Amino acid sequence: MKNLTIPLSKETILSLKVGDLVSLTGTIYTGRDAVHKYLHEGGTLPPEVKFKDGVLYHCGPVIMTEADGSYRCSAAGPTTSIREEPYEYQVIRDSGLRAVIGKGGMGEKTVAACKEFGCVYLHAIGGAAQVYAEAVKKVSGVYFKDQFGSPEAIWEFQVEGFVATVTIDAHGNSLHRDIEAKSTQALADIEAAQARQH
């Protein structure tokens, strides 16, 4: 396990490799389809939102409002990341992100962005929404809530011990690509063996 404190340096990101387990502490921001499309189309972030050297989490959290008006995160599971593939290269390039968190992996454009700009993709576990919510120690801000609605808003979290696995590193390696290639080859081998039997 590698303990990482946000903001993240490029040197830290370059030291990571596919398969590394990391534990994040610091500020992370959520952002899903609406935010990605908005940025892709030329929208700008509020000055309070610091993506540079930061972490973007593909997540539509469940947020409770306390009696004093403060927010509490009760579920923070990852969203399927491939939906953001058309936008992620540009978002990483333009914002200086160092890590993107989600589930299911991303495609070759995002792999290229990670290599070119010094970023990693971190795989979070689907179905562990409450476990991840426990790592959210404070909800310190929300942006675009009126514009996009609560799940699609940018939520600012202070996290401690947020655990994820590096599955795309900054050197062009992708566990998702490797698994897909092995699976495709295994299927071809099975089909070839079946064809020989007939």
N, C-alpha and C. Protein backbone atom coordinates (compact mmCIF):
# COMPACT_ATOMS: atom_id res chain seq x y z
N MET A 1 0.84 -1.20 0.00
CA MET A 1 0.00 0.00 0.00
C MET A 1 0.88 1.24 0.00
N LYS A 2 0.58 2.16 -0.92
CA LYS A 2 1.30 3.42 -0.97
C LYS A 2 0.38 4.53 -0.48
N ASN A 3 0.83 5.23 0.56
CA ASN A 3 0.04 6.32 1.13
C ASN A 3 0.37 7.61 0.39
N LEU A 4 -0.65 8.20 -0.24
CA LEU A 4 -0.46 9.40 -1.05
C LEU A 4 -1.25 10.56 -0.46
N THR A 5 -0.61 11.73 -0.41
CA THR A 5 -1.27 12.94 0.07
C THR A 5 -1.50 13.88 -1.10
N ILE A 6 -2.72 14.32 -1.25
CA ILE A 6 -3.12 15.25 -2.31
C ILE A 6 -2.87 16.68 -1.82
N PRO A 7 -2.29 17.60 -2.64
CA PRO A 7 -2.00 17.48 -4.07
C PRO A 7 -0.85 16.51 -4.37
N LEU A 8 -0.90 15.93 -5.57
CA LEU A 8 0.07 14.92 -5.99
C LEU A 8 1.08 15.52 -6.95
N SER A 9 2.33 15.17 -6.76
CA SER A 9 3.37 15.65 -7.68
C SER A 9 3.48 14.71 -8.88
N LYS A 10 4.02 15.23 -9.97
CA LYS A 10 4.23 14.40 -11.15
C LYS A 10 5.20 13.26 -10.82
N GLU A 11 6.20 13.55 -9.99
CA GLU A 11 7.18 12.52 -9.61
C GLU A 11 6.49 11.37 -8.88
N THR A 12 5.56 11.69 -8.00
CA THR A 12 4.80 10.65 -7.29
C THR A 12 4.03 9.80 -8.28
N ILE A 13 3.36 10.44 -9.22
CA ILE A 13 2.56 9.72 -10.21
C ILE A 13 3.44 8.82 -11.07
N LEU A 14 4.61 9.31 -11.47
CA LEU A 14 5.51 8.52 -12.31
C LEU A 14 6.09 7.32 -11.56
N SER A 15 6.07 7.38 -10.23
CA SER A 15 6.59 6.26 -9.43
C SER A 15 5.58 5.12 -9.32
N LEU A 16 4.34 5.36 -9.71
CA LEU A 16 3.30 4.34 -9.59
C LEU A 16 3.26 3.45 -10.82
N LYS A 17 2.86 2.21 -10.60
CA LYS A 17 2.73 1.28 -11.73
C LYS A 17 1.45 0.47 -11.58
N VAL A 18 1.00 -0.08 -12.70
CA VAL A 18 -0.22 -0.89 -12.71
C VAL A 18 -0.12 -1.98 -11.64
N GLY A 19 -1.17 -2.10 -10.85
CA GLY A 19 -1.22 -3.10 -9.78
C GLY A 19 -0.95 -2.52 -8.40
N ASP A 20 -0.39 -1.31 -8.33
CA ASP A 20 -0.13 -0.69 -7.03
C ASP A 20 -1.44 -0.36 -6.32
N LEU A 21 -1.48 -0.65 -5.03
CA LEU A 21 -2.60 -0.27 -4.18
C LEU A 21 -2.23 1.05 -3.51
N VAL A 22 -3.13 2.04 -3.58
CA VAL A 22 -2.83 3.34 -2.98
C VAL A 22 -3.92 3.73 -2.00
N SER A 23 -3.52 4.56 -1.05
CA SER A 23 -4.45 5.12 -0.07
C SER A 23 -4.32 6.64 -0.14
N LEU A 24 -5.43 7.29 -0.46
CA LEU A 24 -5.42 8.74 -0.68
C LEU A 24 -5.90 9.51 0.54
N THR A 25 -5.22 10.61 0.82
CA THR A 25 -5.65 11.54 1.86
C THR A 25 -5.55 12.95 1.31
N GLY A 26 -6.62 13.74 1.52
CA GLY A 26 -6.64 15.11 1.02
C GLY A 26 -7.96 15.41 0.34
N THR A 27 -7.94 16.36 -0.59
CA THR A 27 -9.15 16.81 -1.28
C THR A 27 -9.35 16.04 -2.58
N ILE A 28 -10.55 15.49 -2.76
CA ILE A 28 -10.91 14.95 -4.07
C ILE A 28 -12.24 15.57 -4.49
N TYR A 29 -12.45 15.64 -5.81
CA TYR A 29 -13.67 16.21 -6.36
C TYR A 29 -14.41 15.15 -7.15
N THR A 30 -15.75 15.15 -7.05
CA THR A 30 -16.54 14.26 -7.88
C THR A 30 -16.87 14.96 -9.19
N GLY A 31 -17.10 14.18 -10.23
CA GLY A 31 -17.50 14.74 -11.51
C GLY A 31 -17.91 13.63 -12.45
N ARG A 32 -19.10 13.75 -13.01
CA ARG A 32 -19.60 12.71 -13.92
C ARG A 32 -19.90 13.31 -15.30
N ASP A 33 -20.90 12.78 -15.97
CA ASP A 33 -21.19 13.13 -17.36
C ASP A 33 -21.37 14.63 -17.58
N ALA A 34 -22.20 15.26 -16.75
CA ALA A 34 -22.53 16.68 -16.97
C ALA A 34 -21.30 17.56 -16.85
N VAL A 35 -20.47 17.30 -15.86
CA VAL A 35 -19.26 18.09 -15.65
C VAL A 35 -18.28 17.89 -16.80
N HIS A 36 -18.09 16.64 -17.22
CA HIS A 36 -17.17 16.36 -18.32
C HIS A 36 -17.62 17.04 -19.62
N LYS A 37 -18.91 16.94 -19.91
CA LYS A 37 -19.44 17.55 -21.13
C LYS A 37 -19.29 19.07 -21.06
N TYR A 38 -19.58 19.64 -19.91
CA TYR A 38 -19.46 21.09 -19.70
C TYR A 38 -18.03 21.57 -19.94
N LEU A 39 -17.06 20.86 -19.38
CA LEU A 39 -15.66 21.24 -19.55
C LEU A 39 -15.21 21.03 -21.00
N HIS A 40 -15.67 19.93 -21.60
CA HIS A 40 -15.33 19.62 -22.98
C HIS A 40 -15.83 20.72 -23.93
N GLU A 41 -16.95 21.31 -23.59
CA GLU A 41 -17.55 22.34 -24.44
C GLU A 41 -17.06 23.74 -24.10
N GLY A 42 -16.03 23.82 -23.25
CA GLY A 42 -15.41 25.12 -22.97
C GLY A 42 -15.81 25.77 -21.67
N GLY A 43 -16.57 25.06 -20.85
CA GLY A 43 -16.95 25.60 -19.55
C GLY A 43 -15.75 25.74 -18.63
N THR A 44 -15.86 26.61 -17.66
CA THR A 44 -14.75 26.83 -16.72
C THR A 44 -15.16 26.45 -15.30
N LEU A 45 -14.16 26.06 -14.53
CA LEU A 45 -14.40 25.68 -13.14
C LEU A 45 -14.42 26.91 -12.25
N PRO A 46 -15.18 26.87 -11.15
CA PRO A 46 -15.10 27.94 -10.17
C PRO A 46 -13.67 28.02 -9.61
N PRO A 47 -13.22 29.20 -9.21
CA PRO A 47 -11.85 29.33 -8.70
C PRO A 47 -11.56 28.47 -7.47
N GLU A 48 -12.61 28.10 -6.74
CA GLU A 48 -12.41 27.27 -5.54
C GLU A 48 -12.06 25.83 -5.88
N VAL A 49 -12.38 25.40 -7.09
CA VAL A 49 -12.15 24.00 -7.49
C VAL A 49 -10.74 23.88 -8.07
N LYS A 50 -9.89 23.13 -7.38
CA LYS A 50 -8.47 23.02 -7.75
C LYS A 50 -8.19 21.64 -8.33
N PHE A 51 -8.38 21.48 -9.64
CA PHE A 51 -8.08 20.21 -10.29
C PHE A 51 -6.58 20.00 -10.47
N LYS A 52 -5.80 21.08 -10.57
CA LYS A 52 -4.37 20.94 -10.85
C LYS A 52 -3.69 20.14 -9.74
N ASP A 53 -2.97 19.09 -10.15
CA ASP A 53 -2.29 18.17 -9.21
C ASP A 53 -3.29 17.45 -8.30
N GLY A 54 -4.55 17.42 -8.74
CA GLY A 54 -5.61 16.88 -7.91
C GLY A 54 -6.19 15.58 -8.43
N VAL A 55 -7.34 15.22 -7.84
CA VAL A 55 -7.98 13.93 -8.10
C VAL A 55 -9.46 14.17 -8.42
N LEU A 56 -9.90 13.55 -9.52
CA LEU A 56 -11.30 13.62 -9.94
C LEU A 56 -11.91 12.23 -9.81
N TYR A 57 -13.04 12.16 -9.14
CA TYR A 57 -13.70 10.88 -8.87
C TYR A 57 -15.00 10.80 -9.66
N HIS A 58 -15.10 9.78 -10.52
CA HIS A 58 -16.35 9.52 -11.25
C HIS A 58 -17.35 8.93 -10.24
N CYS A 59 -18.18 9.79 -9.69
CA CYS A 59 -19.04 9.37 -8.58
C CYS A 59 -20.25 10.30 -8.51
N GLY A 60 -21.43 9.72 -8.31
CA GLY A 60 -22.63 10.48 -8.00
C GLY A 60 -23.03 10.14 -6.57
N PRO A 61 -22.46 10.84 -5.60
CA PRO A 61 -22.64 10.44 -4.21
C PRO A 61 -24.06 10.67 -3.69
N VAL A 62 -24.39 9.97 -2.64
CA VAL A 62 -25.64 10.22 -1.90
C VAL A 62 -25.27 11.13 -0.73
N ILE A 63 -25.83 12.33 -0.73
CA ILE A 63 -25.47 13.35 0.26
C ILE A 63 -26.68 13.67 1.13
N MET A 64 -26.49 13.66 2.43
CA MET A 64 -27.54 14.02 3.39
C MET A 64 -27.27 15.44 3.90
N THR A 65 -28.33 16.19 4.11
CA THR A 65 -28.20 17.53 4.70
C THR A 65 -28.54 17.44 6.19
N GLU A 66 -27.58 17.85 7.02
CA GLU A 66 -27.77 17.78 8.46
C GLU A 66 -28.64 18.95 8.95
N ALA A 67 -29.05 18.90 10.21
CA ALA A 67 -29.92 19.93 10.78
C ALA A 67 -29.27 21.31 10.74
N ASP A 68 -27.95 21.35 10.84
CA ASP A 68 -27.25 22.65 10.83
C ASP A 68 -26.94 23.14 9.42
N GLY A 69 -27.42 22.40 8.40
CA GLY A 69 -27.20 22.82 7.03
C GLY A 69 -25.95 22.25 6.39
N SER A 70 -25.13 21.57 7.18
CA SER A 70 -23.92 20.96 6.64
C SER A 70 -24.27 19.67 5.90
N TYR A 71 -23.34 19.18 5.11
CA TYR A 71 -23.56 17.98 4.31
C TYR A 71 -22.81 16.79 4.90
N ARG A 72 -23.39 15.60 4.68
CA ARG A 72 -22.72 14.36 5.06
C ARG A 72 -22.89 13.36 3.92
N CYS A 73 -21.79 12.71 3.58
CA CYS A 73 -21.82 11.71 2.51
C CYS A 73 -22.20 10.35 3.09
N SER A 74 -23.28 9.74 2.56
CA SER A 74 -23.71 8.43 3.07
C SER A 74 -23.40 7.29 2.11
N ALA A 75 -23.10 7.63 0.84
CA ALA A 75 -22.70 6.61 -0.14
C ALA A 75 -21.86 7.31 -1.21
N ALA A 76 -20.75 6.67 -1.59
CA ALA A 76 -19.84 7.30 -2.55
C ALA A 76 -19.19 6.26 -3.44
N GLY A 77 -20.02 5.44 -4.09
CA GLY A 77 -19.50 4.41 -4.97
C GLY A 77 -19.11 4.97 -6.33
N PRO A 78 -18.20 4.27 -7.03
CA PRO A 78 -17.74 4.76 -8.33
C PRO A 78 -18.76 4.55 -9.44
N THR A 79 -18.73 5.45 -10.40
CA THR A 79 -19.52 5.36 -11.62
C THR A 79 -18.68 4.69 -12.71
N THR A 80 -19.33 4.03 -13.65
CA THR A 80 -18.63 3.43 -14.79
C THR A 80 -17.93 4.51 -15.60
N SER A 81 -16.61 4.38 -15.72
CA SER A 81 -15.79 5.46 -16.25
C SER A 81 -15.83 5.60 -17.76
N ILE A 82 -16.10 4.52 -18.48
CA ILE A 82 -15.97 4.57 -19.94
C ILE A 82 -16.91 5.61 -20.55
N ARG A 83 -17.94 5.99 -19.82
CA ARG A 83 -18.86 7.03 -20.31
C ARG A 83 -18.13 8.36 -20.49
N GLU A 84 -17.04 8.55 -19.77
CA GLU A 84 -16.31 9.82 -19.86
C GLU A 84 -15.14 9.75 -20.86
N GLU A 85 -14.99 8.62 -21.54
CA GLU A 85 -13.87 8.45 -22.47
C GLU A 85 -13.82 9.52 -23.57
N PRO A 86 -14.97 9.98 -24.11
CA PRO A 86 -14.89 11.02 -25.15
C PRO A 86 -14.31 12.34 -24.65
N TYR A 87 -14.34 12.55 -23.32
CA TYR A 87 -13.96 13.85 -22.76
C TYR A 87 -12.66 13.85 -21.96
N GLU A 88 -12.25 12.67 -21.45
CA GLU A 88 -11.23 12.65 -20.39
C GLU A 88 -9.87 13.17 -20.85
N TYR A 89 -9.48 12.85 -22.09
CA TYR A 89 -8.18 13.35 -22.58
C TYR A 89 -8.09 14.86 -22.42
N GLN A 90 -9.11 15.55 -22.90
CA GLN A 90 -9.11 17.01 -22.85
C GLN A 90 -9.14 17.51 -21.41
N VAL A 91 -9.94 16.88 -20.56
CA VAL A 91 -10.05 17.32 -19.17
C VAL A 91 -8.70 17.17 -18.45
N ILE A 92 -8.04 16.03 -18.66
CA ILE A 92 -6.72 15.83 -18.05
C ILE A 92 -5.72 16.85 -18.59
N ARG A 93 -5.72 17.03 -19.90
CA ARG A 93 -4.79 17.97 -20.54
C ARG A 93 -4.98 19.40 -20.03
N ASP A 94 -6.22 19.83 -19.96
CA ASP A 94 -6.50 21.23 -19.66
C ASP A 94 -6.46 21.56 -18.17
N SER A 95 -6.69 20.57 -17.33
CA SER A 95 -6.84 20.86 -15.90
C SER A 95 -5.63 20.49 -15.05
N GLY A 96 -4.74 19.65 -15.58
CA GLY A 96 -3.58 19.24 -14.79
C GLY A 96 -3.89 18.21 -13.72
N LEU A 97 -4.96 17.44 -13.92
CA LEU A 97 -5.28 16.35 -12.97
C LEU A 97 -4.13 15.36 -12.88
N ARG A 98 -3.94 14.77 -11.72
CA ARG A 98 -2.94 13.72 -11.53
C ARG A 98 -3.54 12.34 -11.35
N ALA A 99 -4.83 12.28 -11.03
CA ALA A 99 -5.48 10.96 -10.88
C ALA A 99 -6.96 11.09 -11.17
N VAL A 100 -7.50 10.06 -11.81
CA VAL A 100 -8.93 9.92 -12.05
C VAL A 100 -9.34 8.59 -11.44
N ILE A 101 -10.43 8.61 -10.67
CA ILE A 101 -10.92 7.40 -10.01
C ILE A 101 -12.26 7.01 -10.62
N GLY A 102 -12.48 5.73 -10.82
CA GLY A 102 -13.77 5.25 -11.29
C GLY A 102 -13.78 3.73 -11.25
N LYS A 103 -14.70 3.14 -12.04
CA LYS A 103 -14.71 1.69 -12.14
C LYS A 103 -14.81 1.28 -13.60
N GLY A 104 -14.29 0.11 -13.90
CA GLY A 104 -14.44 -0.47 -15.23
C GLY A 104 -13.37 -0.10 -16.23
N GLY A 105 -12.51 0.86 -15.88
CA GLY A 105 -11.43 1.21 -16.78
C GLY A 105 -11.81 2.24 -17.82
N MET A 106 -10.81 2.66 -18.61
CA MET A 106 -11.02 3.63 -19.66
C MET A 106 -10.25 3.22 -20.91
N GLY A 107 -10.48 3.93 -22.02
CA GLY A 107 -9.94 3.54 -23.30
C GLY A 107 -8.60 4.16 -23.63
N GLU A 108 -8.21 4.00 -24.89
CA GLU A 108 -6.86 4.37 -25.32
C GLU A 108 -6.59 5.87 -25.30
N LYS A 109 -7.63 6.68 -25.51
CA LYS A 109 -7.41 8.14 -25.43
C LYS A 109 -7.02 8.56 -24.02
N THR A 110 -7.65 7.95 -23.03
CA THR A 110 -7.30 8.27 -21.64
C THR A 110 -5.94 7.70 -21.28
N VAL A 111 -5.63 6.50 -21.78
CA VAL A 111 -4.29 5.93 -21.57
C VAL A 111 -3.23 6.89 -22.12
N ALA A 112 -3.50 7.43 -23.31
CA ALA A 112 -2.56 8.37 -23.94
C ALA A 112 -2.42 9.64 -23.11
N ALA A 113 -3.53 10.15 -22.58
CA ALA A 113 -3.49 11.36 -21.76
C ALA A 113 -2.68 11.12 -20.48
N CYS A 114 -2.87 9.96 -19.85
CA CYS A 114 -2.13 9.64 -18.63
C CYS A 114 -0.63 9.63 -18.91
N LYS A 115 -0.24 9.05 -20.03
CA LYS A 115 1.18 8.99 -20.38
C LYS A 115 1.73 10.35 -20.75
N GLU A 116 0.97 11.11 -21.51
CA GLU A 116 1.44 12.40 -22.03
C GLU A 116 1.53 13.47 -20.94
N PHE A 117 0.58 13.46 -20.00
CA PHE A 117 0.49 14.56 -19.05
C PHE A 117 0.80 14.17 -17.60
N GLY A 118 1.09 12.87 -17.36
CA GLY A 118 1.46 12.45 -16.01
C GLY A 118 0.26 12.30 -15.09
N CYS A 119 -0.57 11.30 -15.40
CA CYS A 119 -1.80 11.04 -14.65
C CYS A 119 -1.96 9.54 -14.51
N VAL A 120 -2.76 9.09 -13.56
CA VAL A 120 -3.08 7.67 -13.42
C VAL A 120 -4.59 7.50 -13.30
N TYR A 121 -5.05 6.31 -13.69
CA TYR A 121 -6.44 5.93 -13.45
C TYR A 121 -6.44 4.94 -12.29
N LEU A 122 -7.28 5.23 -11.31
CA LEU A 122 -7.39 4.40 -10.12
C LEU A 122 -8.74 3.70 -10.13
N HIS A 123 -8.70 2.39 -9.97
CA HIS A 123 -9.93 1.60 -9.99
C HIS A 123 -10.47 1.46 -8.58
N ALA A 124 -11.72 1.93 -8.39
CA ALA A 124 -12.41 1.76 -7.11
C ALA A 124 -13.39 0.59 -7.24
N ILE A 125 -13.78 0.03 -6.13
CA ILE A 125 -14.59 -1.19 -6.13
C ILE A 125 -16.07 -0.85 -6.21
N GLY A 126 -16.75 -1.36 -7.23
CA GLY A 126 -18.19 -1.20 -7.31
C GLY A 126 -18.87 -1.97 -6.18
N GLY A 127 -19.95 -1.43 -5.65
CA GLY A 127 -20.66 -2.09 -4.57
C GLY A 127 -20.13 -1.75 -3.19
N ALA A 128 -19.09 -0.91 -3.13
CA ALA A 128 -18.50 -0.54 -1.83
C ALA A 128 -18.80 0.92 -1.48
N ALA A 129 -19.99 1.39 -1.88
CA ALA A 129 -20.33 2.81 -1.72
C ALA A 129 -20.26 3.28 -0.28
N GLN A 130 -20.69 2.43 0.66
CA GLN A 130 -20.68 2.86 2.06
C GLN A 130 -19.28 2.82 2.65
N VAL A 131 -18.47 1.88 2.17
CA VAL A 131 -17.07 1.81 2.62
C VAL A 131 -16.34 3.09 2.20
N TYR A 132 -16.55 3.50 0.94
CA TYR A 132 -15.90 4.72 0.47
C TYR A 132 -16.45 5.95 1.19
N ALA A 133 -17.74 5.95 1.50
CA ALA A 133 -18.32 7.07 2.25
C ALA A 133 -17.64 7.24 3.61
N GLU A 134 -17.23 6.14 4.20
CA GLU A 134 -16.54 6.21 5.50
C GLU A 134 -15.18 6.90 5.39
N ALA A 135 -14.60 6.87 4.18
CA ALA A 135 -13.32 7.56 3.97
C ALA A 135 -13.52 9.06 3.76
N VAL A 136 -14.77 9.47 3.50
CA VAL A 136 -15.08 10.90 3.33
C VAL A 136 -15.30 11.51 4.72
N LYS A 137 -14.31 12.23 5.21
CA LYS A 137 -14.38 12.77 6.57
C LYS A 137 -15.15 14.08 6.63
N LYS A 138 -15.21 14.79 5.48
CA LYS A 138 -15.91 16.07 5.45
C LYS A 138 -16.32 16.39 4.03
N VAL A 139 -17.54 16.91 3.88
CA VAL A 139 -17.98 17.47 2.59
C VAL A 139 -17.76 18.98 2.69
N SER A 140 -16.74 19.47 2.01
CA SER A 140 -16.33 20.86 2.23
C SER A 140 -16.84 21.85 1.19
N GLY A 141 -17.57 21.34 0.17
CA GLY A 141 -18.13 22.26 -0.81
C GLY A 141 -18.92 21.53 -1.87
N VAL A 142 -19.75 22.29 -2.58
CA VAL A 142 -20.49 21.74 -3.73
C VAL A 142 -20.62 22.84 -4.78
N TYR A 143 -20.48 22.44 -6.05
CA TYR A 143 -20.49 23.38 -7.16
C TYR A 143 -21.38 22.81 -8.28
N PHE A 144 -22.12 23.67 -8.95
CA PHE A 144 -23.01 23.31 -10.06
C PHE A 144 -24.20 22.46 -9.60
N LYS A 145 -24.53 22.50 -8.33
CA LYS A 145 -25.66 21.70 -7.84
C LYS A 145 -26.98 22.17 -8.45
N ASP A 146 -27.18 23.49 -8.53
CA ASP A 146 -28.41 24.02 -9.10
C ASP A 146 -28.46 23.77 -10.61
N GLN A 147 -27.30 23.81 -11.25
CA GLN A 147 -27.22 23.67 -12.70
C GLN A 147 -27.39 22.22 -13.16
N PHE A 148 -26.72 21.29 -12.46
CA PHE A 148 -26.67 19.90 -12.91
C PHE A 148 -27.45 18.92 -12.04
N GLY A 149 -27.86 19.34 -10.85
CA GLY A 149 -28.49 18.43 -9.91
C GLY A 149 -27.46 17.78 -9.00
N SER A 150 -27.93 17.22 -7.91
CA SER A 150 -27.01 16.72 -6.87
C SER A 150 -26.05 15.62 -7.34
N PRO A 151 -26.52 14.54 -8.01
CA PRO A 151 -25.57 13.48 -8.38
C PRO A 151 -24.51 13.93 -9.38
N GLU A 152 -24.86 14.90 -10.24
CA GLU A 152 -23.94 15.35 -11.30
C GLU A 152 -23.11 16.56 -10.88
N ALA A 153 -23.36 17.09 -9.71
CA ALA A 153 -22.61 18.26 -9.23
C ALA A 153 -21.15 17.88 -8.93
N ILE A 154 -20.33 18.89 -8.78
CA ILE A 154 -18.97 18.67 -8.26
C ILE A 154 -19.05 18.79 -6.74
N TRP A 155 -18.80 17.68 -6.07
CA TRP A 155 -18.73 17.68 -4.61
C TRP A 155 -17.26 17.67 -4.20
N GLU A 156 -16.94 18.47 -3.22
CA GLU A 156 -15.57 18.54 -2.70
C GLU A 156 -15.49 17.76 -1.39
N PHE A 157 -14.69 16.71 -1.40
CA PHE A 157 -14.55 15.83 -0.24
C PHE A 157 -13.17 15.94 0.37
N GLN A 158 -13.13 15.88 1.69
CA GLN A 158 -11.86 15.66 2.39
C GLN A 158 -11.83 14.18 2.78
N VAL A 159 -10.87 13.46 2.24
CA VAL A 159 -10.84 12.01 2.46
C VAL A 159 -9.59 11.60 3.24
N GLU A 160 -9.72 10.49 3.94
CA GLU A 160 -8.59 9.85 4.62
C GLU A 160 -8.68 8.35 4.36
N GLY A 161 -7.60 7.76 3.87
CA GLY A 161 -7.58 6.32 3.65
C GLY A 161 -8.53 5.84 2.58
N PHE A 162 -8.64 6.63 1.50
CA PHE A 162 -9.47 6.22 0.36
C PHE A 162 -8.61 5.29 -0.50
N VAL A 163 -8.98 4.00 -0.55
CA VAL A 163 -8.14 2.97 -1.17
C VAL A 163 -8.62 2.63 -2.58
N ALA A 164 -7.66 2.57 -3.50
CA ALA A 164 -7.96 2.20 -4.88
C ALA A 164 -6.71 1.57 -5.49
N THR A 165 -6.86 0.99 -6.69
CA THR A 165 -5.76 0.29 -7.36
C THR A 165 -5.41 0.99 -8.66
N VAL A 166 -4.12 1.16 -8.92
CA VAL A 166 -3.66 1.74 -10.18
C VAL A 166 -3.89 0.71 -11.29
N THR A 167 -4.77 1.04 -12.25
CA THR A 167 -4.98 0.11 -13.36
C THR A 167 -4.60 0.73 -14.71
N ILE A 168 -4.35 2.03 -14.75
CA ILE A 168 -3.68 2.69 -15.89
C ILE A 168 -2.62 3.59 -15.29
N ASP A 169 -1.35 3.36 -15.67
CA ASP A 169 -0.29 4.18 -15.09
C ASP A 169 0.15 5.27 -16.08
N ALA A 170 1.14 6.05 -15.69
CA ALA A 170 1.60 7.18 -16.50
C ALA A 170 2.66 6.77 -17.52
N HIS A 171 2.83 5.44 -17.70
CA HIS A 171 3.84 4.93 -18.63
C HIS A 171 3.22 4.20 -19.82
N GLY A 172 1.90 4.35 -19.96
CA GLY A 172 1.21 3.75 -21.10
C GLY A 172 0.70 2.35 -20.86
N ASN A 173 0.76 1.88 -19.62
CA ASN A 173 0.29 0.53 -19.29
C ASN A 173 -1.17 0.56 -18.84
N SER A 174 -1.94 -0.42 -19.29
CA SER A 174 -3.35 -0.51 -18.91
C SER A 174 -3.71 -1.96 -18.59
N LEU A 175 -4.09 -2.19 -17.36
CA LEU A 175 -4.53 -3.52 -16.94
C LEU A 175 -5.79 -3.91 -17.72
N HIS A 176 -6.65 -2.93 -18.00
CA HIS A 176 -7.90 -3.20 -18.71
C HIS A 176 -7.61 -3.69 -20.13
N ARG A 177 -6.67 -3.05 -20.81
CA ARG A 177 -6.27 -3.47 -22.15
C ARG A 177 -5.69 -4.87 -22.12
N ASP A 178 -4.82 -5.13 -21.13
CA ASP A 178 -4.16 -6.44 -21.03
C ASP A 178 -5.18 -7.56 -20.80
N ILE A 179 -6.14 -7.30 -19.91
CA ILE A 179 -7.15 -8.32 -19.61
C ILE A 179 -8.03 -8.57 -20.83
N GLU A 180 -8.39 -7.50 -21.53
CA GLU A 180 -9.21 -7.65 -22.74
C GLU A 180 -8.47 -8.47 -23.80
N ALA A 181 -7.18 -8.19 -23.97
CA ALA A 181 -6.39 -8.93 -24.96
C ALA A 181 -6.29 -10.41 -24.60
N LYS A 182 -6.04 -10.69 -23.30
CA LYS A 182 -5.93 -12.09 -22.86
C LYS A 182 -7.27 -12.81 -23.00
N SER A 183 -8.36 -12.10 -22.68
CA SER A 183 -9.69 -12.70 -22.78
C SER A 183 -10.04 -13.00 -24.23
N THR A 184 -9.70 -12.06 -25.12
CA THR A 184 -9.96 -12.25 -26.55
C THR A 184 -9.18 -13.45 -27.09
N GLN A 185 -7.93 -13.57 -26.67
CA GLN A 185 -7.09 -14.69 -27.10
C GLN A 185 -7.62 -16.01 -26.56
N ALA A 186 -8.02 -16.01 -25.29
CA ALA A 186 -8.56 -17.23 -24.68
C ALA A 186 -9.83 -17.69 -25.39
N LEU A 187 -10.69 -16.73 -25.75
CA LEU A 187 -11.92 -17.06 -26.47
C LEU A 187 -11.60 -17.63 -27.85
N ALA A 188 -10.63 -17.01 -28.53
CA ALA A 188 -10.22 -17.50 -29.85
C ALA A 188 -9.68 -18.92 -29.76
N ASP A 189 -8.90 -19.20 -28.69
CA ASP A 189 -8.35 -20.55 -28.49
C ASP A 189 -9.47 -21.57 -28.27
N ILE A 190 -10.47 -21.19 -27.50
CA ILE A 190 -11.60 -22.09 -27.23
C ILE A 190 -12.36 -22.37 -28.53
N GLU A 191 -12.61 -21.31 -29.28
CA GLU A 191 -13.35 -21.47 -30.54
C GLU A 191 -12.58 -22.34 -31.53
N ALA A 192 -11.25 -22.17 -31.57
CA ALA A 192 -10.42 -22.97 -32.47
C ALA A 192 -10.44 -24.44 -32.06
N ALA A 193 -10.39 -24.67 -30.73
CA ALA A 193 -10.42 -26.07 -30.25
C ALA A 193 -11.77 -26.71 -30.57
N GLN A 194 -12.86 -25.96 -30.41
CA GLN A 194 -14.19 -26.49 -30.73
C GLN A 194 -14.32 -26.80 -32.22
N ALA A 195 -13.74 -25.91 -33.05
CA ALA A 195 -13.80 -26.13 -34.50
C ALA A 195 -13.06 -27.39 -34.90
N ARG A 196 -11.97 -27.69 -34.22
CA ARG A 196 -11.18 -28.90 -34.54
C ARG A 196 -11.95 -30.16 -34.17
N GLN A 197 -12.83 -30.06 -33.16
CA GLN A 197 -13.58 -31.24 -32.70
C GLN A 197 -14.70 -31.60 -33.65
N HIS A 198 -15.14 -30.63 -34.47
CA HIS A 198 -16.29 -30.89 -35.35
C HIS A 198 -15.89 -31.33 -36.72
